[in-house]
Amino acid sequence: MVWTPEQTGTFLDHAADHPLYPLLHLMAFRGLRRGEACGLVWPNLDLAGASLTVRENCVKITYREIEDGDPKSDAGDDTIPLDSGTVTVLKAHHRRQDESRAEWGQAWQESGKVFTREDGSALHPDHVTDAFARLAYGAGLPPIRLHDLRHGAATLMLAGGADMKLVQAMLRHSSFAITADTYTSVLPEVAREAAEAAAALVPRKIPTLEARPSVLPASSQGEEE
């Protein structure tokens, strides 16, 4: 299941004051996997250039043990462009993390991660999943998996006019077939929205055909199309 754009907006508004909001915002708009978001380090995030590179994937070994590994697919080392809104969110998050580092002093755990616990230590992936579920419930939204934010991001890209090949690159799928097989179901709706958007670009001063008489002029009746 994928939330509608309106439901995604409701969720993000509800989560705006939560410490994990920047991570959830990034997942919702750029489609990172949970492990990719938890494993992201500052050197791989270029806020000035509005991009990030996925080079690590935080994997749960046991409930208490996590470790960083390689991205899930061979395409994982690609650069992902960031929209201006996400850059703004991440810049504010960077400032807050610097403030927290100063407040904790020597007790700060320098993990190097973009998203951390309050003391700077690495996030446990399950903590993110649990927080997401609580926030979604509190917002009164239909239950979806955290991973479904990734599918929602792909749907938003398609609805925004991105072609399937671009979505494949953004999500770092190893093959075009995976992307096409996963998101073919949303294409009819996206195509209808694109048709309506294209029609809306043409200004009209006369009523549409729906509001006009349906009888053709006598000279046109019987002509082949």
N, C-alpha and C. Protein backbone atom coordinates (compact mmCIF):
# COMPACT_ATOMS: atom_id res chain seq x y z
N MET A 1 0.84 -1.19 0.00
CA MET A 1 0.00 0.00 0.00
C MET A 1 0.88 1.25 0.00
N VAL A 2 0.43 2.25 -0.72
CA VAL A 2 1.15 3.52 -0.79
C VAL A 2 0.20 4.64 -0.39
N TRP A 3 0.66 5.55 0.45
CA TRP A 3 -0.15 6.71 0.79
C TRP A 3 -0.31 7.63 -0.39
N THR A 4 -1.44 8.34 -0.41
CA THR A 4 -1.62 9.39 -1.41
C THR A 4 -0.69 10.55 -1.05
N PRO A 5 -0.44 11.47 -2.00
CA PRO A 5 0.36 12.65 -1.66
C PRO A 5 -0.22 13.42 -0.47
N GLU A 6 -1.55 13.48 -0.39
CA GLU A 6 -2.19 14.19 0.72
C GLU A 6 -1.89 13.49 2.05
N GLN A 7 -1.96 12.16 2.05
CA GLN A 7 -1.67 11.41 3.28
C GLN A 7 -0.20 11.53 3.67
N THR A 8 0.69 11.54 2.68
CA THR A 8 2.10 11.74 2.98
C THR A 8 2.33 13.11 3.61
N GLY A 9 1.65 14.12 3.09
CA GLY A 9 1.75 15.46 3.67
C GLY A 9 1.23 15.50 5.09
N THR A 10 0.13 14.80 5.35
CA THR A 10 -0.42 14.74 6.70
C THR A 10 0.58 14.09 7.66
N PHE A 11 1.20 13.01 7.20
CA PHE A 11 2.18 12.33 8.03
C PHE A 11 3.37 13.24 8.35
N LEU A 12 3.91 13.89 7.34
CA LEU A 12 5.09 14.73 7.55
C LEU A 12 4.77 15.93 8.45
N ASP A 13 3.58 16.48 8.30
CA ASP A 13 3.18 17.58 9.18
C ASP A 13 3.09 17.10 10.63
N HIS A 14 2.54 15.91 10.80
CA HIS A 14 2.39 15.36 12.15
C HIS A 14 3.76 15.04 12.77
N ALA A 15 4.71 14.61 11.93
CA ALA A 15 6.02 14.19 12.42
C ALA A 15 7.03 15.32 12.50
N ALA A 16 6.63 16.53 12.14
CA ALA A 16 7.59 17.64 11.95
C ALA A 16 8.44 17.93 13.18
N ASP A 17 7.91 17.71 14.38
CA ASP A 17 8.66 18.02 15.61
C ASP A 17 9.38 16.81 16.19
N HIS A 18 9.31 15.67 15.52
CA HIS A 18 9.96 14.46 16.02
C HIS A 18 11.44 14.48 15.67
N PRO A 19 12.32 13.98 16.55
CA PRO A 19 13.75 13.97 16.25
C PRO A 19 14.13 13.25 14.95
N LEU A 20 13.31 12.27 14.55
CA LEU A 20 13.62 11.52 13.34
C LEU A 20 12.97 12.12 12.09
N TYR A 21 12.36 13.28 12.23
CA TYR A 21 11.68 13.87 11.07
C TYR A 21 12.61 14.03 9.86
N PRO A 22 13.84 14.55 10.00
CA PRO A 22 14.69 14.71 8.81
C PRO A 22 14.92 13.39 8.07
N LEU A 23 15.12 12.31 8.81
CA LEU A 23 15.32 11.00 8.19
C LEU A 23 14.06 10.57 7.44
N LEU A 24 12.90 10.72 8.08
CA LEU A 24 11.64 10.30 7.45
C LEU A 24 11.32 11.17 6.25
N HIS A 25 11.63 12.45 6.34
CA HIS A 25 11.43 13.36 5.20
C HIS A 25 12.28 12.90 4.02
N LEU A 26 13.54 12.58 4.28
CA LEU A 26 14.43 12.12 3.22
C LEU A 26 13.93 10.84 2.58
N MET A 27 13.47 9.90 3.38
CA MET A 27 12.95 8.65 2.84
C MET A 27 11.69 8.88 2.01
N ALA A 28 10.83 9.78 2.46
CA ALA A 28 9.56 10.02 1.79
C ALA A 28 9.74 10.67 0.42
N PHE A 29 10.77 11.52 0.29
CA PHE A 29 10.94 12.25 -0.97
C PHE A 29 12.01 11.66 -1.88
N ARG A 30 13.02 11.01 -1.32
CA ARG A 30 14.11 10.51 -2.15
C ARG A 30 14.17 8.99 -2.20
N GLY A 31 13.34 8.31 -1.44
CA GLY A 31 13.21 6.87 -1.57
C GLY A 31 14.35 6.04 -1.04
N LEU A 32 15.07 6.53 -0.04
CA LEU A 32 16.14 5.72 0.55
C LEU A 32 15.55 4.53 1.29
N ARG A 33 16.28 3.44 1.31
CA ARG A 33 15.93 2.30 2.15
C ARG A 33 16.26 2.64 3.60
N ARG A 34 15.66 1.90 4.53
CA ARG A 34 15.89 2.15 5.95
C ARG A 34 17.38 2.07 6.29
N GLY A 35 18.04 1.02 5.85
CA GLY A 35 19.45 0.83 6.15
C GLY A 35 20.33 1.90 5.53
N GLU A 36 19.93 2.39 4.34
CA GLU A 36 20.70 3.43 3.68
C GLU A 36 20.60 4.74 4.44
N ALA A 37 19.42 5.05 4.95
CA ALA A 37 19.24 6.28 5.72
C ALA A 37 19.99 6.21 7.04
N CYS A 38 19.90 5.05 7.73
CA CYS A 38 20.59 4.90 9.01
C CYS A 38 22.11 4.87 8.83
N GLY A 39 22.59 4.41 7.69
CA GLY A 39 24.01 4.31 7.45
C GLY A 39 24.64 5.54 6.84
N LEU A 40 23.84 6.52 6.46
CA LEU A 40 24.36 7.71 5.79
C LEU A 40 25.31 8.50 6.70
N VAL A 41 26.47 8.86 6.16
CA VAL A 41 27.46 9.64 6.92
C VAL A 41 27.61 11.01 6.26
N TRP A 42 28.04 11.99 7.05
CA TRP A 42 28.13 13.36 6.56
C TRP A 42 29.03 13.53 5.34
N PRO A 43 30.18 12.85 5.24
CA PRO A 43 31.00 13.03 4.03
C PRO A 43 30.29 12.65 2.73
N ASN A 44 29.26 11.82 2.83
CA ASN A 44 28.52 11.40 1.64
C ASN A 44 27.29 12.26 1.37
N LEU A 45 27.16 13.34 2.12
CA LEU A 45 26.03 14.26 1.93
C LEU A 45 26.58 15.63 1.55
N ASP A 46 26.29 16.08 0.34
CA ASP A 46 26.78 17.36 -0.17
C ASP A 46 25.62 18.35 -0.23
N LEU A 47 25.45 19.10 0.85
CA LEU A 47 24.33 20.03 0.91
C LEU A 47 24.54 21.22 -0.02
N ALA A 48 25.78 21.65 -0.21
CA ALA A 48 26.04 22.75 -1.13
C ALA A 48 25.71 22.35 -2.56
N GLY A 49 26.01 21.11 -2.91
CA GLY A 49 25.72 20.61 -4.25
C GLY A 49 24.37 19.93 -4.36
N ALA A 50 23.60 19.92 -3.27
CA ALA A 50 22.25 19.34 -3.25
C ALA A 50 22.25 17.89 -3.76
N SER A 51 23.08 17.05 -3.13
CA SER A 51 23.12 15.65 -3.54
C SER A 51 23.65 14.80 -2.40
N LEU A 52 23.42 13.50 -2.50
CA LEU A 52 24.00 12.54 -1.57
C LEU A 52 24.40 11.30 -2.33
N THR A 53 25.32 10.55 -1.74
CA THR A 53 25.76 9.30 -2.34
C THR A 53 25.57 8.17 -1.33
N VAL A 54 24.93 7.11 -1.75
CA VAL A 54 24.70 5.96 -0.88
C VAL A 54 25.88 5.01 -1.01
N ARG A 55 26.67 4.90 0.06
CA ARG A 55 27.82 4.00 0.04
C ARG A 55 27.78 2.98 1.17
N GLU A 56 26.88 3.17 2.13
CA GLU A 56 26.80 2.25 3.26
C GLU A 56 25.35 1.88 3.54
N ASN A 57 25.16 0.70 4.06
CA ASN A 57 23.83 0.20 4.39
C ASN A 57 23.88 -0.40 5.79
N CYS A 58 23.15 0.20 6.73
CA CYS A 58 23.16 -0.26 8.11
C CYS A 58 22.27 -1.51 8.23
N VAL A 59 22.88 -2.62 8.61
CA VAL A 59 22.18 -3.91 8.62
C VAL A 59 22.06 -4.42 10.05
N LYS A 60 20.88 -4.94 10.41
CA LYS A 60 20.68 -5.54 11.72
C LYS A 60 21.15 -6.99 11.69
N ILE A 61 22.11 -7.32 12.55
CA ILE A 61 22.59 -8.69 12.66
C ILE A 61 21.75 -9.43 13.71
N THR A 62 21.69 -8.88 14.91
CA THR A 62 20.78 -9.33 15.95
C THR A 62 20.08 -8.09 16.47
N TYR A 63 19.20 -8.27 17.46
CA TYR A 63 18.49 -7.10 17.97
C TYR A 63 19.47 -6.07 18.53
N ARG A 64 20.55 -6.52 19.14
CA ARG A 64 21.50 -5.60 19.76
C ARG A 64 22.69 -5.27 18.86
N GLU A 65 22.87 -6.04 17.81
CA GLU A 65 24.07 -5.89 17.00
C GLU A 65 23.71 -5.39 15.60
N ILE A 66 24.31 -4.28 15.19
CA ILE A 66 24.14 -3.74 13.84
C ILE A 66 25.52 -3.47 13.26
N GLU A 67 25.60 -3.47 11.96
CA GLU A 67 26.87 -3.15 11.32
C GLU A 67 26.61 -2.54 9.95
N ASP A 68 27.59 -1.81 9.44
CA ASP A 68 27.48 -1.19 8.12
C ASP A 68 28.03 -2.13 7.07
N GLY A 69 27.28 -2.27 5.99
CA GLY A 69 27.72 -3.08 4.86
C GLY A 69 27.58 -2.31 3.58
N ASP A 70 27.74 -3.01 2.46
CA ASP A 70 27.61 -2.38 1.16
C ASP A 70 26.14 -2.15 0.83
N PRO A 71 25.85 -1.18 -0.04
CA PRO A 71 24.46 -0.97 -0.48
C PRO A 71 23.87 -2.23 -1.06
N LYS A 72 22.55 -2.28 -1.08
CA LYS A 72 21.85 -3.51 -1.46
C LYS A 72 22.11 -3.90 -2.91
N SER A 73 22.17 -2.93 -3.83
CA SER A 73 22.33 -3.25 -5.24
C SER A 73 23.64 -2.70 -5.77
N ASP A 74 24.03 -3.18 -6.95
CA ASP A 74 25.25 -2.69 -7.60
C ASP A 74 25.14 -1.22 -7.96
N ALA A 75 23.89 -0.73 -8.07
CA ALA A 75 23.67 0.66 -8.45
C ALA A 75 23.68 1.58 -7.23
N GLY A 76 24.03 1.06 -6.07
CA GLY A 76 23.90 1.81 -4.83
C GLY A 76 24.86 2.96 -4.66
N ASP A 77 25.95 3.00 -5.45
CA ASP A 77 26.95 4.04 -5.28
C ASP A 77 26.67 5.27 -6.13
N ASP A 78 25.50 5.36 -6.71
CA ASP A 78 25.15 6.49 -7.55
C ASP A 78 24.80 7.71 -6.71
N THR A 79 24.94 8.87 -7.32
CA THR A 79 24.61 10.13 -6.65
C THR A 79 23.13 10.43 -6.83
N ILE A 80 22.49 10.86 -5.76
CA ILE A 80 21.06 11.16 -5.77
C ILE A 80 20.88 12.67 -5.59
N PRO A 81 20.21 13.33 -6.50
CA PRO A 81 19.96 14.77 -6.34
C PRO A 81 18.93 15.03 -5.25
N LEU A 82 19.06 16.15 -4.57
CA LEU A 82 18.13 16.52 -3.51
C LEU A 82 17.34 17.75 -3.93
N ASP A 83 16.05 17.75 -3.61
CA ASP A 83 15.23 18.93 -3.85
C ASP A 83 15.55 19.99 -2.80
N SER A 84 15.18 21.24 -3.08
CA SER A 84 15.54 22.36 -2.21
C SER A 84 14.91 22.24 -0.82
N GLY A 85 13.69 21.70 -0.76
CA GLY A 85 13.04 21.54 0.54
C GLY A 85 13.79 20.55 1.43
N THR A 86 14.25 19.46 0.84
CA THR A 86 15.01 18.47 1.60
C THR A 86 16.36 19.04 2.05
N VAL A 87 17.00 19.83 1.19
CA VAL A 87 18.26 20.48 1.58
C VAL A 87 18.04 21.38 2.79
N THR A 88 16.95 22.14 2.78
CA THR A 88 16.65 23.02 3.91
C THR A 88 16.47 22.23 5.20
N VAL A 89 15.74 21.13 5.11
CA VAL A 89 15.51 20.28 6.29
C VAL A 89 16.84 19.72 6.82
N LEU A 90 17.70 19.27 5.93
CA LEU A 90 18.97 18.66 6.34
C LEU A 90 19.95 19.70 6.88
N LYS A 91 19.93 20.90 6.35
CA LYS A 91 20.79 21.96 6.89
C LYS A 91 20.37 22.29 8.33
N ALA A 92 19.07 22.39 8.57
CA ALA A 92 18.58 22.67 9.93
C ALA A 92 18.95 21.52 10.86
N HIS A 93 18.88 20.29 10.36
CA HIS A 93 19.25 19.12 11.16
C HIS A 93 20.74 19.16 11.49
N HIS A 94 21.56 19.56 10.56
CA HIS A 94 23.01 19.64 10.79
C HIS A 94 23.31 20.64 11.91
N ARG A 95 22.63 21.78 11.88
CA ARG A 95 22.84 22.78 12.93
C ARG A 95 22.42 22.23 14.30
N ARG A 96 21.29 21.53 14.34
CA ARG A 96 20.83 20.97 15.62
C ARG A 96 21.79 19.91 16.13
N GLN A 97 22.36 19.13 15.23
CA GLN A 97 23.32 18.11 15.66
C GLN A 97 24.58 18.76 16.23
N ASP A 98 25.03 19.84 15.62
CA ASP A 98 26.19 20.56 16.16
C ASP A 98 25.90 21.10 17.57
N GLU A 99 24.68 21.59 17.76
CA GLU A 99 24.29 22.09 19.08
C GLU A 99 24.27 20.96 20.11
N SER A 100 23.75 19.80 19.71
CA SER A 100 23.71 18.65 20.61
C SER A 100 25.12 18.18 20.96
N ARG A 101 26.03 18.19 19.98
CA ARG A 101 27.41 17.78 20.22
C ARG A 101 28.06 18.68 21.28
N ALA A 102 27.78 19.98 21.18
CA ALA A 102 28.34 20.92 22.16
C ALA A 102 27.73 20.70 23.54
N GLU A 103 26.43 20.41 23.59
CA GLU A 103 25.76 20.20 24.87
C GLU A 103 26.24 18.93 25.56
N TRP A 104 26.47 17.87 24.80
CA TRP A 104 26.90 16.59 25.39
C TRP A 104 28.39 16.59 25.73
N GLY A 105 29.15 17.42 25.07
CA GLY A 105 30.57 17.51 25.38
C GLY A 105 31.30 16.18 25.18
N GLN A 106 32.07 15.77 26.17
CA GLN A 106 32.86 14.54 26.05
C GLN A 106 32.00 13.28 26.01
N ALA A 107 30.76 13.38 26.43
CA ALA A 107 29.87 12.22 26.41
C ALA A 107 29.31 11.94 25.00
N TRP A 108 29.55 12.87 24.08
CA TRP A 108 29.03 12.69 22.71
C TRP A 108 29.72 11.53 22.02
N GLN A 109 28.93 10.67 21.38
CA GLN A 109 29.44 9.52 20.65
C GLN A 109 29.59 9.91 19.18
N GLU A 110 30.82 10.07 18.72
CA GLU A 110 31.05 10.54 17.35
C GLU A 110 30.96 9.40 16.35
N SER A 111 29.74 9.08 15.94
CA SER A 111 29.52 7.99 14.99
C SER A 111 29.74 8.44 13.55
N GLY A 112 29.67 9.75 13.31
CA GLY A 112 29.79 10.26 11.95
C GLY A 112 28.52 10.16 11.14
N LYS A 113 27.48 9.60 11.74
CA LYS A 113 26.22 9.41 11.02
C LYS A 113 25.44 10.72 10.90
N VAL A 114 24.69 10.82 9.82
CA VAL A 114 23.81 11.98 9.66
C VAL A 114 22.66 11.91 10.66
N PHE A 115 22.10 10.73 10.81
CA PHE A 115 20.97 10.54 11.73
C PHE A 115 21.42 9.65 12.89
N THR A 116 21.25 10.15 14.11
CA THR A 116 21.78 9.45 15.28
C THR A 116 20.78 9.47 16.43
N ARG A 117 21.15 8.78 17.49
CA ARG A 117 20.44 8.92 18.75
C ARG A 117 20.83 10.25 19.36
N GLU A 118 20.22 10.60 20.50
CA GLU A 118 20.44 11.93 21.07
C GLU A 118 21.88 12.15 21.51
N ASP A 119 22.62 11.06 21.77
CA ASP A 119 24.01 11.20 22.20
C ASP A 119 25.00 11.05 21.05
N GLY A 120 24.51 10.99 19.81
CA GLY A 120 25.39 10.88 18.66
C GLY A 120 25.67 9.48 18.20
N SER A 121 25.24 8.48 18.97
CA SER A 121 25.50 7.09 18.59
C SER A 121 24.58 6.66 17.45
N ALA A 122 24.97 5.60 16.77
CA ALA A 122 24.24 5.15 15.59
C ALA A 122 22.83 4.69 15.95
N LEU A 123 21.92 4.94 15.04
CA LEU A 123 20.54 4.49 15.21
C LEU A 123 20.42 2.99 14.99
N HIS A 124 19.54 2.36 15.75
CA HIS A 124 19.17 0.98 15.46
C HIS A 124 18.02 1.03 14.45
N PRO A 125 18.12 0.31 13.32
CA PRO A 125 17.05 0.36 12.31
C PRO A 125 15.66 0.08 12.86
N ASP A 126 15.55 -0.83 13.83
CA ASP A 126 14.23 -1.15 14.38
C ASP A 126 13.64 0.05 15.13
N HIS A 127 14.50 0.88 15.70
CA HIS A 127 14.02 2.08 16.39
C HIS A 127 13.30 3.00 15.41
N VAL A 128 13.84 3.10 14.21
CA VAL A 128 13.22 3.95 13.18
C VAL A 128 11.87 3.37 12.77
N THR A 129 11.81 2.06 12.58
CA THR A 129 10.56 1.41 12.19
C THR A 129 9.49 1.61 13.25
N ASP A 130 9.85 1.43 14.51
CA ASP A 130 8.89 1.58 15.61
C ASP A 130 8.39 3.02 15.70
N ALA A 131 9.29 3.98 15.56
CA ALA A 131 8.90 5.39 15.62
C ALA A 131 7.96 5.74 14.48
N PHE A 132 8.26 5.22 13.28
CA PHE A 132 7.40 5.48 12.13
C PHE A 132 5.99 4.95 12.36
N ALA A 133 5.88 3.73 12.88
CA ALA A 133 4.57 3.13 13.12
C ALA A 133 3.76 3.95 14.12
N ARG A 134 4.42 4.42 15.19
CA ARG A 134 3.72 5.23 16.19
C ARG A 134 3.26 6.56 15.60
N LEU A 135 4.10 7.18 14.79
CA LEU A 135 3.74 8.46 14.19
C LEU A 135 2.58 8.30 13.20
N ALA A 136 2.62 7.25 12.39
CA ALA A 136 1.55 7.02 11.43
C ALA A 136 0.23 6.78 12.14
N TYR A 137 0.27 6.02 13.24
CA TYR A 137 -0.93 5.76 14.02
C TYR A 137 -1.44 7.07 14.64
N GLY A 138 -0.54 7.86 15.18
CA GLY A 138 -0.94 9.12 15.79
C GLY A 138 -1.53 10.10 14.81
N ALA A 139 -1.12 9.99 13.54
CA ALA A 139 -1.65 10.88 12.51
C ALA A 139 -2.98 10.38 11.96
N GLY A 140 -3.43 9.19 12.42
CA GLY A 140 -4.71 8.65 11.96
C GLY A 140 -4.68 8.15 10.54
N LEU A 141 -3.53 7.67 10.07
CA LEU A 141 -3.37 7.25 8.68
C LEU A 141 -3.47 5.74 8.54
N PRO A 142 -3.81 5.25 7.35
CA PRO A 142 -3.82 3.80 7.13
C PRO A 142 -2.42 3.24 7.39
N PRO A 143 -2.33 2.08 8.02
CA PRO A 143 -1.00 1.52 8.33
C PRO A 143 -0.28 1.06 7.07
N ILE A 144 0.95 1.48 6.93
CA ILE A 144 1.82 0.99 5.86
C ILE A 144 3.18 0.65 6.49
N ARG A 145 4.01 -0.04 5.74
CA ARG A 145 5.35 -0.34 6.21
C ARG A 145 6.25 0.88 6.01
N LEU A 146 7.30 0.97 6.80
CA LEU A 146 8.28 2.03 6.59
C LEU A 146 8.84 1.95 5.17
N HIS A 147 9.07 0.75 4.68
CA HIS A 147 9.62 0.57 3.33
C HIS A 147 8.69 1.14 2.26
N ASP A 148 7.39 1.23 2.59
CA ASP A 148 6.44 1.76 1.62
C ASP A 148 6.62 3.25 1.38
N LEU A 149 7.36 3.94 2.26
CA LEU A 149 7.71 5.33 1.96
C LEU A 149 8.57 5.38 0.69
N ARG A 150 9.38 4.36 0.49
CA ARG A 150 10.21 4.27 -0.72
C ARG A 150 9.32 4.13 -1.96
N HIS A 151 8.30 3.29 -1.86
CA HIS A 151 7.37 3.14 -2.99
C HIS A 151 6.60 4.44 -3.21
N GLY A 152 6.25 5.11 -2.11
CA GLY A 152 5.54 6.38 -2.25
C GLY A 152 6.40 7.42 -2.94
N ALA A 153 7.71 7.44 -2.64
CA ALA A 153 8.61 8.38 -3.29
C ALA A 153 8.65 8.13 -4.80
N ALA A 154 8.67 6.86 -5.19
CA ALA A 154 8.67 6.53 -6.62
C ALA A 154 7.39 7.00 -7.28
N THR A 155 6.26 6.81 -6.61
CA THR A 155 4.98 7.26 -7.15
C THR A 155 4.96 8.77 -7.32
N LEU A 156 5.51 9.49 -6.32
CA LEU A 156 5.58 10.95 -6.42
C LEU A 156 6.44 11.38 -7.61
N MET A 157 7.55 10.67 -7.83
CA MET A 157 8.41 11.01 -8.96
C MET A 157 7.68 10.81 -10.28
N LEU A 158 6.98 9.69 -10.41
CA LEU A 158 6.24 9.42 -11.64
C LEU A 158 5.14 10.45 -11.86
N ALA A 159 4.42 10.77 -10.77
CA ALA A 159 3.35 11.76 -10.87
C ALA A 159 3.90 13.15 -11.20
N GLY A 160 5.15 13.40 -10.80
CA GLY A 160 5.77 14.69 -11.09
C GLY A 160 6.34 14.78 -12.48
N GLY A 161 6.24 13.70 -13.26
CA GLY A 161 6.68 13.75 -14.66
C GLY A 161 7.95 12.99 -14.94
N ALA A 162 8.57 12.35 -13.93
CA ALA A 162 9.80 11.59 -14.18
C ALA A 162 9.48 10.33 -14.97
N ASP A 163 10.36 9.97 -15.90
CA ASP A 163 10.12 8.72 -16.63
C ASP A 163 10.67 7.54 -15.82
N MET A 164 10.33 6.35 -16.27
CA MET A 164 10.67 5.15 -15.51
C MET A 164 12.17 4.96 -15.39
N LYS A 165 12.92 5.35 -16.41
CA LYS A 165 14.37 5.19 -16.36
C LYS A 165 14.98 6.08 -15.27
N LEU A 166 14.45 7.29 -15.12
CA LEU A 166 14.94 8.18 -14.07
C LEU A 166 14.60 7.64 -12.69
N VAL A 167 13.39 7.09 -12.55
CA VAL A 167 12.99 6.49 -11.27
C VAL A 167 13.91 5.33 -10.93
N GLN A 168 14.27 4.53 -11.93
CA GLN A 168 15.21 3.43 -11.70
C GLN A 168 16.53 3.95 -11.14
N ALA A 169 17.03 5.04 -11.73
CA ALA A 169 18.30 5.61 -11.27
C ALA A 169 18.19 6.17 -9.87
N MET A 170 17.06 6.84 -9.58
CA MET A 170 16.87 7.43 -8.26
C MET A 170 16.78 6.38 -7.17
N LEU A 171 16.10 5.28 -7.47
CA LEU A 171 15.92 4.21 -6.48
C LEU A 171 17.08 3.22 -6.49
N ARG A 172 17.98 3.34 -7.48
CA ARG A 172 19.15 2.50 -7.57
C ARG A 172 18.81 1.03 -7.73
N HIS A 173 17.76 0.76 -8.52
CA HIS A 173 17.45 -0.62 -8.86
C HIS A 173 18.50 -1.13 -9.83
N SER A 174 18.87 -2.39 -9.71
CA SER A 174 19.92 -2.96 -10.55
C SER A 174 19.47 -3.17 -11.99
N SER A 175 18.17 -3.20 -12.24
CA SER A 175 17.68 -3.37 -13.61
C SER A 175 16.40 -2.57 -13.81
N PHE A 176 16.18 -2.19 -15.08
CA PHE A 176 14.97 -1.45 -15.43
C PHE A 176 13.73 -2.30 -15.19
N ALA A 177 13.86 -3.61 -15.40
CA ALA A 177 12.71 -4.51 -15.27
C ALA A 177 12.15 -4.49 -13.85
N ILE A 178 13.02 -4.40 -12.85
CA ILE A 178 12.55 -4.35 -11.46
C ILE A 178 11.67 -3.12 -11.25
N THR A 179 12.14 -1.98 -11.73
CA THR A 179 11.37 -0.74 -11.57
C THR A 179 10.04 -0.82 -12.30
N ALA A 180 10.09 -1.27 -13.55
CA ALA A 180 8.88 -1.34 -14.36
C ALA A 180 7.87 -2.31 -13.76
N ASP A 181 8.33 -3.48 -13.33
CA ASP A 181 7.42 -4.48 -12.75
C ASP A 181 6.78 -3.97 -11.46
N THR A 182 7.55 -3.19 -10.68
CA THR A 182 7.05 -2.72 -9.39
C THR A 182 6.04 -1.61 -9.53
N TYR A 183 6.25 -0.73 -10.51
CA TYR A 183 5.44 0.50 -10.55
C TYR A 183 4.53 0.62 -11.76
N THR A 184 4.42 -0.43 -12.56
CA THR A 184 3.52 -0.39 -13.71
C THR A 184 2.09 -0.09 -13.28
N SER A 185 1.69 -0.58 -12.11
CA SER A 185 0.31 -0.42 -11.66
C SER A 185 -0.08 1.03 -11.44
N VAL A 186 0.91 1.90 -11.16
CA VAL A 186 0.56 3.30 -10.90
C VAL A 186 0.56 4.12 -12.18
N LEU A 187 1.03 3.55 -13.30
CA LEU A 187 1.15 4.35 -14.51
C LEU A 187 -0.18 4.84 -15.08
N PRO A 188 -1.27 4.03 -15.10
CA PRO A 188 -2.53 4.56 -15.64
C PRO A 188 -2.99 5.82 -14.92
N GLU A 189 -2.90 5.85 -13.59
CA GLU A 189 -3.31 7.03 -12.85
C GLU A 189 -2.40 8.21 -13.17
N VAL A 190 -1.11 7.94 -13.25
CA VAL A 190 -0.16 9.01 -13.58
C VAL A 190 -0.43 9.53 -14.99
N ALA A 191 -0.74 8.62 -15.93
CA ALA A 191 -1.02 9.03 -17.29
C ALA A 191 -2.26 9.91 -17.37
N ARG A 192 -3.29 9.56 -16.58
CA ARG A 192 -4.50 10.40 -16.57
C ARG A 192 -4.19 11.79 -16.03
N GLU A 193 -3.39 11.85 -14.95
CA GLU A 193 -3.03 13.14 -14.39
C GLU A 193 -2.23 13.96 -15.39
N ALA A 194 -1.33 13.29 -16.14
CA ALA A 194 -0.54 14.00 -17.14
C ALA A 194 -1.43 14.52 -18.27
N ALA A 195 -2.44 13.72 -18.65
CA ALA A 195 -3.36 14.16 -19.69
C ALA A 195 -4.15 15.39 -19.25
N GLU A 196 -4.62 15.37 -18.01
CA GLU A 196 -5.37 16.52 -17.50
C GLU A 196 -4.47 17.76 -17.40
N ALA A 197 -3.22 17.55 -16.96
CA ALA A 197 -2.30 18.67 -16.85
C ALA A 197 -1.98 19.27 -18.21
N ALA A 198 -1.83 18.42 -19.23
CA ALA A 198 -1.56 18.91 -20.57
C ALA A 198 -2.74 19.69 -21.13
N ALA A 199 -3.94 19.16 -20.91
CA ALA A 199 -5.14 19.85 -21.41
C ALA A 199 -5.33 21.20 -20.72
N ALA A 200 -4.96 21.28 -19.44
CA ALA A 200 -5.13 22.53 -18.69
C ALA A 200 -4.21 23.63 -19.17
N LEU A 201 -3.17 23.29 -19.93
CA LEU A 201 -2.24 24.30 -20.43
C LEU A 201 -2.82 25.12 -21.56
N VAL A 202 -3.88 24.62 -22.21
CA VAL A 202 -4.45 25.30 -23.37
C VAL A 202 -5.60 26.21 -22.94
N PRO A 203 -5.43 27.53 -23.05
CA PRO A 203 -6.51 28.45 -22.65
C PRO A 203 -7.68 28.39 -23.63
N ARG A 204 -8.90 28.42 -23.13
CA ARG A 204 -10.10 28.39 -23.98
C ARG A 204 -11.02 29.55 -23.63
N LYS A 205 -11.57 30.20 -24.66
CA LYS A 205 -12.52 31.29 -24.46
C LYS A 205 -13.95 30.87 -24.75
N ILE A 206 -14.10 29.71 -25.40
CA ILE A 206 -15.44 29.21 -25.71
C ILE A 206 -15.73 28.02 -24.84
N PRO A 207 -17.01 27.67 -24.65
CA PRO A 207 -17.33 26.51 -23.80
C PRO A 207 -16.74 25.23 -24.37
N THR A 208 -16.50 24.25 -23.51
CA THR A 208 -16.04 22.96 -23.97
C THR A 208 -17.14 22.26 -24.74
N LEU A 209 -16.77 21.25 -25.50
CA LEU A 209 -17.75 20.53 -26.32
C LEU A 209 -18.85 19.93 -25.47
N GLU A 210 -18.54 19.60 -24.23
CA GLU A 210 -19.55 19.00 -23.34
C GLU A 210 -20.71 19.95 -23.12
N ALA A 211 -20.42 21.26 -23.13
CA ALA A 211 -21.46 22.24 -22.86
C ALA A 211 -22.08 22.80 -24.13
N ARG A 212 -21.66 22.34 -25.31
CA ARG A 212 -22.16 22.86 -26.57
C ARG A 212 -23.10 21.86 -27.23
N PRO A 213 -23.95 22.31 -28.17
CA PRO A 213 -24.84 21.40 -28.89
C PRO A 213 -24.05 20.32 -29.60
N SER A 214 -24.60 19.10 -29.62
CA SER A 214 -23.88 17.98 -30.21
C SER A 214 -24.21 17.77 -31.68
N VAL A 215 -25.10 18.57 -32.26
CA VAL A 215 -25.48 18.41 -33.66
C VAL A 215 -24.43 19.03 -34.56
N LEU A 216 -23.94 18.27 -35.54
CA LEU A 216 -22.94 18.78 -36.46
C LEU A 216 -23.59 19.65 -37.51
N PRO A 217 -22.85 20.59 -38.10
CA PRO A 217 -23.38 21.36 -39.23
C PRO A 217 -23.77 20.42 -40.36
N ALA A 218 -24.79 20.84 -41.16
CA ALA A 218 -25.30 19.97 -42.22
C ALA A 218 -24.22 19.58 -43.20
N SER A 219 -23.27 20.46 -43.51
CA SER A 219 -22.23 20.18 -44.48
C SER A 219 -21.23 19.14 -43.98
N SER A 220 -21.22 18.92 -42.67
CA SER A 220 -20.25 17.99 -42.12
C SER A 220 -20.83 16.60 -41.89
N GLN A 221 -22.17 16.51 -41.85
CA GLN A 221 -22.78 15.22 -41.55
C GLN A 221 -22.51 14.23 -42.67
N GLY A 222 -22.14 13.04 -42.31
CA GLY A 222 -21.90 11.99 -43.29
C GLY A 222 -20.48 11.92 -43.78
N GLU A 223 -19.65 12.91 -43.40
CA GLU A 223 -18.25 12.87 -43.84
C GLU A 223 -17.47 11.86 -43.02
N GLU A 224 -16.50 11.25 -43.66
CA GLU A 224 -15.66 10.31 -42.96
C GLU A 224 -14.59 11.06 -42.17
N GLU A 225 -14.20 10.51 -41.02
CA GLU A 225 -13.15 11.12 -40.21
C GLU A 225 -11.79 10.73 -40.75
